């Protein structure tokens, strides 16, 4: 970015209002905030149904790999784990072509149904230390 700000015709990323008014004020860990913002950014690039983001998509993106306090992969997965514990995301895993693929869905009724349909099992992101997040709004 430059001092000139955003270019003409800049693209925007949509955020659910409940995320901004309910979840975001409760978040104290910057990794959780960043992980959610990167998730919403990637999700906004998807078309069709079901919409989900894979963990490997996030990890492979150069924009996601920059600006973390520690190791990008550890910080991203820790942030996603916090968001899943808070109820922002749903995590599922499936086998595809002999490989495990970790899927991240927004925790909406429609996406919960999609996750049940295509996700063969839940997967656990790394354990998160510290106190559990505040109850969901």
N, C-alpha and C. Protein backbone atom coordinates (compact mmCIF):
# COMPACT_ATOMS: atom_id res chain seq x y z
N UNK A 1 0.84 -1.18 0.00
CA UNK A 1 0.00 0.00 0.00
C UNK A 1 0.89 1.25 0.00
N UNK A 2 0.34 2.29 -0.54
CA UNK A 2 1.06 3.55 -0.57
C UNK A 2 0.30 4.59 0.24
N UNK A 3 0.88 5.77 0.34
CA UNK A 3 0.21 6.87 1.03
C UNK A 3 -1.03 7.33 0.29
N UNK A 4 -1.18 6.90 -0.94
CA UNK A 4 -2.31 7.34 -1.75
C UNK A 4 -3.60 6.60 -1.40
N UNK A 5 -3.55 5.62 -0.55
CA UNK A 5 -4.76 4.92 -0.15
C UNK A 5 -5.17 3.86 -1.15
N UNK A 6 -6.45 3.70 -1.31
CA UNK A 6 -6.98 2.65 -2.16
C UNK A 6 -7.13 3.14 -3.60
N UNK A 7 -6.90 2.25 -4.56
CA UNK A 7 -7.02 2.64 -5.96
C UNK A 7 -8.49 2.81 -6.37
N UNK A 8 -8.72 3.49 -7.48
CA UNK A 8 -10.09 3.56 -7.99
C UNK A 8 -10.59 2.14 -8.26
N UNK A 9 -11.85 1.92 -8.08
CA UNK A 9 -12.48 0.62 -8.32
C UNK A 9 -11.92 -0.49 -7.42
N UNK A 10 -11.53 -0.11 -6.21
CA UNK A 10 -11.03 -1.10 -5.26
C UNK A 10 -12.13 -2.11 -4.96
N UNK A 11 -11.75 -3.36 -4.81
CA UNK A 11 -12.71 -4.41 -4.46
C UNK A 11 -12.92 -4.39 -2.95
N UNK A 12 -14.09 -4.83 -2.54
CA UNK A 12 -14.44 -4.84 -1.12
C UNK A 12 -14.73 -6.26 -0.66
N UNK A 13 -14.53 -6.50 0.62
CA UNK A 13 -14.83 -7.78 1.24
C UNK A 13 -16.00 -7.59 2.19
N UNK A 14 -17.03 -8.39 2.01
CA UNK A 14 -18.22 -8.31 2.86
C UNK A 14 -17.98 -9.05 4.18
N UNK A 15 -18.49 -8.48 5.24
CA UNK A 15 -18.45 -9.11 6.56
C UNK A 15 -19.87 -9.20 7.09
N UNK A 16 -20.24 -10.32 7.69
CA UNK A 16 -21.57 -10.39 8.30
C UNK A 16 -21.69 -9.34 9.42
N UNK A 17 -22.80 -8.68 9.48
CA UNK A 17 -23.01 -7.66 10.51
C UNK A 17 -22.85 -8.24 11.90
N UNK A 18 -23.33 -9.47 12.12
CA UNK A 18 -23.21 -10.11 13.43
C UNK A 18 -21.74 -10.33 13.81
N UNK A 19 -20.88 -10.55 12.81
CA UNK A 19 -19.46 -10.68 13.12
C UNK A 19 -18.93 -9.38 13.71
N UNK A 20 -19.27 -8.26 13.06
CA UNK A 20 -18.77 -6.96 13.50
C UNK A 20 -19.38 -6.53 14.83
N UNK A 21 -20.68 -6.73 14.98
CA UNK A 21 -21.35 -6.23 16.19
C UNK A 21 -21.33 -7.21 17.36
N UNK A 22 -21.19 -8.50 17.08
CA UNK A 22 -21.26 -9.48 18.15
C UNK A 22 -19.96 -10.18 18.46
N UNK A 23 -19.31 -10.72 17.44
CA UNK A 23 -18.09 -11.50 17.67
C UNK A 23 -16.84 -10.63 17.83
N UNK A 24 -16.65 -9.68 16.93
CA UNK A 24 -15.42 -8.88 16.92
C UNK A 24 -15.15 -8.18 18.24
N UNK A 25 -16.15 -7.57 18.88
CA UNK A 25 -15.86 -6.90 20.16
C UNK A 25 -15.34 -7.84 21.25
N UNK A 26 -15.61 -9.15 21.13
CA UNK A 26 -15.17 -10.12 22.13
C UNK A 26 -13.75 -10.62 21.87
N UNK A 27 -13.25 -10.43 20.66
CA UNK A 27 -11.94 -10.98 20.29
C UNK A 27 -10.81 -10.15 20.85
N UNK A 28 -9.92 -10.81 21.58
CA UNK A 28 -8.78 -10.12 22.17
C UNK A 28 -7.47 -10.54 21.54
N UNK A 29 -7.49 -11.60 20.75
CA UNK A 29 -6.27 -12.14 20.15
C UNK A 29 -6.21 -11.69 18.68
N UNK A 30 -5.16 -10.98 18.32
CA UNK A 30 -5.04 -10.46 16.96
C UNK A 30 -5.01 -11.59 15.92
N UNK A 31 -4.48 -12.75 16.28
CA UNK A 31 -4.45 -13.88 15.34
C UNK A 31 -5.86 -14.31 14.97
N UNK A 32 -6.78 -14.29 15.91
CA UNK A 32 -8.17 -14.65 15.62
C UNK A 32 -8.81 -13.64 14.68
N UNK A 33 -8.58 -12.36 14.94
CA UNK A 33 -9.14 -11.31 14.09
C UNK A 33 -8.59 -11.45 12.66
N UNK A 34 -7.27 -11.57 12.54
CA UNK A 34 -6.66 -11.69 11.21
C UNK A 34 -7.13 -12.95 10.48
N UNK A 35 -7.19 -14.07 11.20
CA UNK A 35 -7.63 -15.32 10.57
C UNK A 35 -9.05 -15.18 10.05
N UNK A 36 -9.92 -14.55 10.81
CA UNK A 36 -11.31 -14.34 10.36
C UNK A 36 -11.35 -13.43 9.13
N UNK A 37 -10.59 -12.35 9.16
CA UNK A 37 -10.60 -11.43 8.02
C UNK A 37 -10.07 -12.11 6.76
N UNK A 38 -9.01 -12.89 6.88
CA UNK A 38 -8.51 -13.63 5.72
C UNK A 38 -9.54 -14.66 5.25
N UNK A 39 -10.21 -15.33 6.17
CA UNK A 39 -11.26 -16.28 5.81
C UNK A 39 -12.37 -15.58 5.03
N UNK A 40 -12.88 -14.45 5.55
CA UNK A 40 -13.96 -13.73 4.86
C UNK A 40 -13.51 -13.25 3.48
N UNK A 41 -12.27 -12.82 3.38
CA UNK A 41 -11.73 -12.35 2.10
C UNK A 41 -11.74 -13.48 1.08
N UNK A 42 -11.23 -14.65 1.49
CA UNK A 42 -11.20 -15.80 0.58
C UNK A 42 -12.62 -16.29 0.27
N UNK A 43 -13.48 -16.32 1.26
CA UNK A 43 -14.85 -16.78 1.06
C UNK A 43 -15.57 -15.88 0.06
N UNK A 44 -15.30 -14.59 0.13
CA UNK A 44 -15.92 -13.64 -0.79
C UNK A 44 -15.52 -13.83 -2.24
N UNK A 45 -14.45 -14.54 -2.49
CA UNK A 45 -13.99 -14.82 -3.85
C UNK A 45 -14.66 -16.05 -4.44
N UNK A 46 -15.42 -16.78 -3.61
CA UNK A 46 -16.05 -18.02 -4.04
C UNK A 46 -17.41 -17.74 -4.67
N UNK A 47 -17.79 -18.59 -5.59
CA UNK A 47 -19.11 -18.52 -6.22
C UNK A 47 -19.75 -19.89 -6.12
N UNK A 48 -21.06 -19.93 -6.23
CA UNK A 48 -21.75 -21.20 -6.20
C UNK A 48 -22.00 -21.67 -4.78
N UNK A 49 -22.45 -22.91 -4.68
CA UNK A 49 -22.75 -23.50 -3.39
C UNK A 49 -22.28 -24.94 -3.40
N UNK A 50 -21.77 -25.47 -2.38
CA UNK A 50 -21.50 -24.80 -1.10
C UNK A 50 -20.24 -23.96 -1.18
N UNK A 51 -20.21 -22.92 -0.36
CA UNK A 51 -19.02 -22.07 -0.30
C UNK A 51 -18.24 -22.41 0.95
N UNK A 52 -16.98 -22.67 0.75
CA UNK A 52 -16.07 -22.95 1.86
C UNK A 52 -14.68 -22.56 1.41
N UNK A 53 -13.78 -22.46 2.36
CA UNK A 53 -12.38 -22.16 2.11
C UNK A 53 -11.58 -23.33 2.66
N UNK A 54 -10.59 -23.76 1.93
CA UNK A 54 -9.75 -24.83 2.47
C UNK A 54 -8.59 -24.21 3.24
N UNK A 55 -8.14 -24.96 4.21
CA UNK A 55 -6.99 -24.50 4.99
C UNK A 55 -5.77 -24.35 4.08
N UNK A 56 -5.61 -25.25 3.12
CA UNK A 56 -4.46 -25.17 2.21
C UNK A 56 -4.54 -23.93 1.32
N UNK A 57 -5.75 -23.50 0.93
CA UNK A 57 -5.89 -22.26 0.16
C UNK A 57 -5.37 -21.07 0.95
N UNK A 58 -5.75 -21.01 2.20
CA UNK A 58 -5.29 -19.91 3.05
C UNK A 58 -3.78 -19.94 3.22
N UNK A 59 -3.26 -21.12 3.51
CA UNK A 59 -1.82 -21.24 3.76
C UNK A 59 -0.99 -20.94 2.52
N UNK A 60 -1.54 -21.17 1.33
CA UNK A 60 -0.80 -20.96 0.09
C UNK A 60 -0.83 -19.51 -0.39
N UNK A 61 -1.67 -18.68 0.18
CA UNK A 61 -1.81 -17.32 -0.30
C UNK A 61 -0.72 -16.42 0.27
N UNK A 62 0.04 -15.74 -0.59
CA UNK A 62 1.12 -14.87 -0.10
C UNK A 62 0.64 -13.76 0.83
N UNK A 63 -0.55 -13.23 0.60
CA UNK A 63 -1.06 -12.17 1.47
C UNK A 63 -1.30 -12.70 2.89
N UNK A 64 -1.74 -13.93 3.00
CA UNK A 64 -1.99 -14.53 4.30
C UNK A 64 -0.67 -14.81 5.03
N UNK A 65 0.37 -15.06 4.28
CA UNK A 65 1.66 -15.44 4.87
C UNK A 65 2.44 -14.27 5.46
N UNK A 66 1.97 -13.05 5.27
CA UNK A 66 2.73 -11.90 5.76
C UNK A 66 2.04 -11.23 6.94
N UNK A 67 2.81 -10.57 7.75
CA UNK A 67 2.26 -9.73 8.79
C UNK A 67 1.87 -10.41 10.08
N UNK A 68 2.35 -11.60 10.34
CA UNK A 68 2.03 -12.29 11.58
C UNK A 68 3.16 -12.06 12.59
N UNK A 69 2.82 -12.11 13.87
CA UNK A 69 3.82 -11.91 14.91
C UNK A 69 4.80 -13.08 14.98
N UNK A 70 4.34 -14.28 14.68
CA UNK A 70 5.18 -15.47 14.73
C UNK A 70 5.10 -16.22 13.42
N UNK A 71 5.25 -17.55 13.50
CA UNK A 71 5.17 -18.41 12.34
C UNK A 71 3.77 -18.29 11.71
N UNK A 72 3.69 -17.91 10.42
CA UNK A 72 2.38 -17.69 9.78
C UNK A 72 1.44 -18.89 9.87
N UNK A 73 1.94 -20.10 9.63
CA UNK A 73 1.07 -21.27 9.67
C UNK A 73 0.52 -21.50 11.08
N UNK A 74 1.40 -21.41 12.08
CA UNK A 74 0.94 -21.59 13.46
C UNK A 74 -0.03 -20.51 13.88
N UNK A 75 0.26 -19.28 13.54
CA UNK A 75 -0.61 -18.17 13.93
C UNK A 75 -1.97 -18.26 13.23
N UNK A 76 -1.97 -18.59 11.94
CA UNK A 76 -3.23 -18.72 11.21
C UNK A 76 -4.07 -19.85 11.80
N UNK A 77 -3.49 -21.02 11.97
CA UNK A 77 -4.27 -22.14 12.48
C UNK A 77 -4.73 -21.89 13.92
N UNK A 78 -3.92 -21.21 14.71
CA UNK A 78 -4.34 -20.85 16.07
C UNK A 78 -5.52 -19.88 16.02
N UNK A 79 -5.44 -18.89 15.14
CA UNK A 79 -6.53 -17.93 14.99
C UNK A 79 -7.81 -18.59 14.51
N UNK A 80 -7.69 -19.51 13.55
CA UNK A 80 -8.86 -20.23 13.07
C UNK A 80 -9.46 -21.11 14.16
N UNK A 81 -8.61 -21.72 14.98
CA UNK A 81 -9.10 -22.54 16.08
C UNK A 81 -9.89 -21.70 17.08
N UNK A 82 -9.40 -20.51 17.37
CA UNK A 82 -10.13 -19.61 18.27
C UNK A 82 -11.48 -19.24 17.66
N UNK A 83 -11.49 -18.94 16.37
CA UNK A 83 -12.74 -18.57 15.69
C UNK A 83 -13.72 -19.73 15.66
N UNK A 84 -13.23 -20.94 15.50
CA UNK A 84 -14.10 -22.12 15.51
C UNK A 84 -14.68 -22.34 16.92
N UNK A 85 -13.84 -22.18 17.93
CA UNK A 85 -14.33 -22.31 19.31
C UNK A 85 -15.37 -21.26 19.64
N UNK A 86 -15.21 -20.09 19.08
CA UNK A 86 -16.15 -18.99 19.34
C UNK A 86 -17.47 -19.21 18.59
N UNK A 87 -17.45 -20.03 17.53
CA UNK A 87 -18.67 -20.28 16.77
C UNK A 87 -18.76 -19.51 15.47
N UNK A 88 -17.68 -18.87 15.06
CA UNK A 88 -17.67 -18.14 13.79
C UNK A 88 -17.56 -19.11 12.62
N UNK A 89 -16.72 -20.13 12.78
CA UNK A 89 -16.42 -21.08 11.70
C UNK A 89 -16.83 -22.49 12.07
N UNK A 90 -17.02 -23.31 11.03
CA UNK A 90 -17.22 -24.75 11.17
C UNK A 90 -16.06 -25.41 10.43
N UNK A 91 -15.44 -26.38 11.05
CA UNK A 91 -14.31 -27.08 10.45
C UNK A 91 -14.72 -28.51 10.11
N UNK A 92 -14.45 -28.93 8.90
CA UNK A 92 -14.72 -30.29 8.47
C UNK A 92 -13.52 -30.79 7.66
N UNK A 93 -13.44 -32.10 7.55
CA UNK A 93 -12.36 -32.70 6.79
C UNK A 93 -12.93 -33.76 5.88
N UNK A 94 -12.36 -33.90 4.69
CA UNK A 94 -12.79 -34.96 3.79
C UNK A 94 -11.57 -35.50 3.06
N UNK A 95 -11.71 -36.72 2.59
CA UNK A 95 -10.67 -37.34 1.78
C UNK A 95 -11.01 -37.08 0.32
N UNK A 96 -10.01 -36.62 -0.42
CA UNK A 96 -10.21 -36.39 -1.85
C UNK A 96 -8.92 -36.78 -2.55
N UNK A 97 -9.05 -37.71 -3.48
CA UNK A 97 -7.89 -38.21 -4.23
C UNK A 97 -6.80 -38.71 -3.29
N UNK A 98 -7.22 -39.38 -2.21
CA UNK A 98 -6.26 -39.94 -1.28
C UNK A 98 -5.60 -38.94 -0.35
N UNK A 99 -6.06 -37.70 -0.38
CA UNK A 99 -5.51 -36.65 0.47
C UNK A 99 -6.58 -36.09 1.38
N UNK A 100 -6.19 -35.75 2.57
CA UNK A 100 -7.12 -35.09 3.48
C UNK A 100 -7.19 -33.61 3.11
N UNK A 101 -8.41 -33.10 3.08
CA UNK A 101 -8.63 -31.69 2.78
C UNK A 101 -9.44 -31.10 3.93
N UNK A 102 -8.93 -30.05 4.56
CA UNK A 102 -9.60 -29.40 5.67
C UNK A 102 -10.43 -28.23 5.13
N UNK A 103 -11.72 -28.24 5.44
CA UNK A 103 -12.67 -27.26 4.92
C UNK A 103 -13.14 -26.36 6.05
N UNK A 104 -13.25 -25.07 5.75
CA UNK A 104 -13.73 -24.08 6.71
C UNK A 104 -14.99 -23.44 6.15
N UNK A 105 -16.07 -23.50 6.91
CA UNK A 105 -17.36 -22.93 6.53
C UNK A 105 -17.71 -21.81 7.49
N UNK A 106 -18.50 -20.87 7.03
CA UNK A 106 -19.08 -19.88 7.92
C UNK A 106 -20.19 -20.58 8.71
N UNK A 107 -20.33 -20.27 9.96
CA UNK A 107 -21.31 -20.95 10.81
C UNK A 107 -22.70 -20.35 10.61
N UNK A 108 -23.30 -20.66 9.46
CA UNK A 108 -24.68 -20.28 9.17
C UNK A 108 -25.49 -21.56 9.02
N UNK A 109 -26.80 -21.44 9.07
CA UNK A 109 -27.65 -22.63 8.93
C UNK A 109 -27.39 -23.35 7.61
N UNK A 110 -27.34 -22.61 6.52
CA UNK A 110 -27.11 -23.23 5.21
C UNK A 110 -25.73 -23.88 5.14
N UNK A 111 -24.72 -23.23 5.68
CA UNK A 111 -23.37 -23.80 5.64
C UNK A 111 -23.22 -24.98 6.60
N UNK A 112 -23.95 -24.98 7.70
CA UNK A 112 -23.95 -26.15 8.59
C UNK A 112 -24.49 -27.36 7.84
N UNK A 113 -25.56 -27.16 7.07
CA UNK A 113 -26.13 -28.26 6.28
C UNK A 113 -25.13 -28.74 5.23
N UNK A 114 -24.47 -27.80 4.58
CA UNK A 114 -23.47 -28.16 3.58
C UNK A 114 -22.32 -28.92 4.22
N UNK A 115 -21.88 -28.47 5.38
CA UNK A 115 -20.78 -29.14 6.07
C UNK A 115 -21.17 -30.56 6.45
N UNK A 116 -22.41 -30.76 6.87
CA UNK A 116 -22.89 -32.10 7.19
C UNK A 116 -22.92 -32.98 5.95
N UNK A 117 -23.25 -32.39 4.81
CA UNK A 117 -23.38 -33.14 3.58
C UNK A 117 -22.03 -33.56 3.01
N UNK A 118 -21.08 -32.64 2.97
CA UNK A 118 -19.82 -32.96 2.28
C UNK A 118 -18.65 -33.23 3.22
N UNK A 119 -18.77 -32.85 4.47
CA UNK A 119 -17.67 -33.10 5.40
C UNK A 119 -17.86 -34.44 6.08
N UNK A 120 -16.93 -35.32 5.92
CA UNK A 120 -17.08 -36.65 6.50
C UNK A 120 -16.81 -36.66 7.99
N UNK A 121 -16.06 -35.72 8.48
CA UNK A 121 -15.76 -35.69 9.91
C UNK A 121 -15.30 -34.30 10.29
N UNK A 122 -15.48 -33.98 11.54
CA UNK A 122 -14.93 -32.73 12.03
C UNK A 122 -13.42 -32.88 12.15
N UNK A 123 -12.71 -31.80 12.10
CA UNK A 123 -11.28 -31.88 12.36
C UNK A 123 -10.94 -30.84 13.41
N UNK A 124 -9.93 -31.13 14.15
CA UNK A 124 -9.55 -30.23 15.22
C UNK A 124 -8.32 -29.45 14.79
N UNK A 125 -8.44 -28.15 14.84
CA UNK A 125 -7.27 -27.31 14.66
C UNK A 125 -6.46 -27.44 15.94
N UNK A 126 -5.25 -26.92 15.94
CA UNK A 126 -4.40 -27.08 17.14
C UNK A 126 -5.10 -26.61 18.41
N UNK A 127 -4.77 -27.25 19.50
CA UNK A 127 -5.34 -26.87 20.78
C UNK A 127 -4.99 -25.42 21.09
N UNK A 128 -5.92 -24.74 21.69
CA UNK A 128 -5.72 -23.33 22.05
C UNK A 128 -5.61 -23.25 23.56
N UNK A 129 -4.57 -22.58 24.03
CA UNK A 129 -4.41 -22.43 25.47
C UNK A 129 -5.08 -21.16 25.94
N UNK A 130 -5.31 -21.08 27.22
CA UNK A 130 -5.93 -19.90 27.78
C UNK A 130 -7.40 -20.13 28.04
N UNK A 131 -8.06 -19.10 28.50
CA UNK A 131 -9.47 -19.23 28.84
C UNK A 131 -10.32 -19.31 27.58
N UNK A 132 -11.46 -20.00 27.67
CA UNK A 132 -12.31 -20.10 26.50
C UNK A 132 -12.89 -18.74 26.13
N UNK A 133 -13.28 -18.58 24.87
CA UNK A 133 -13.85 -17.30 24.47
C UNK A 133 -15.15 -17.01 25.22
N UNK A 134 -15.51 -15.75 25.23
CA UNK A 134 -16.77 -15.33 25.82
C UNK A 134 -17.91 -15.98 25.05
N UNK A 135 -19.02 -16.24 25.71
CA UNK A 135 -20.16 -16.85 25.05
C UNK A 135 -20.53 -16.08 23.79
N UNK A 136 -21.02 -16.83 22.81
CA UNK A 136 -21.44 -16.22 21.56
C UNK A 136 -22.60 -15.27 21.79
N UNK A 137 -22.70 -14.24 20.92
CA UNK A 137 -23.83 -13.31 21.05
C UNK A 137 -25.13 -13.98 20.65
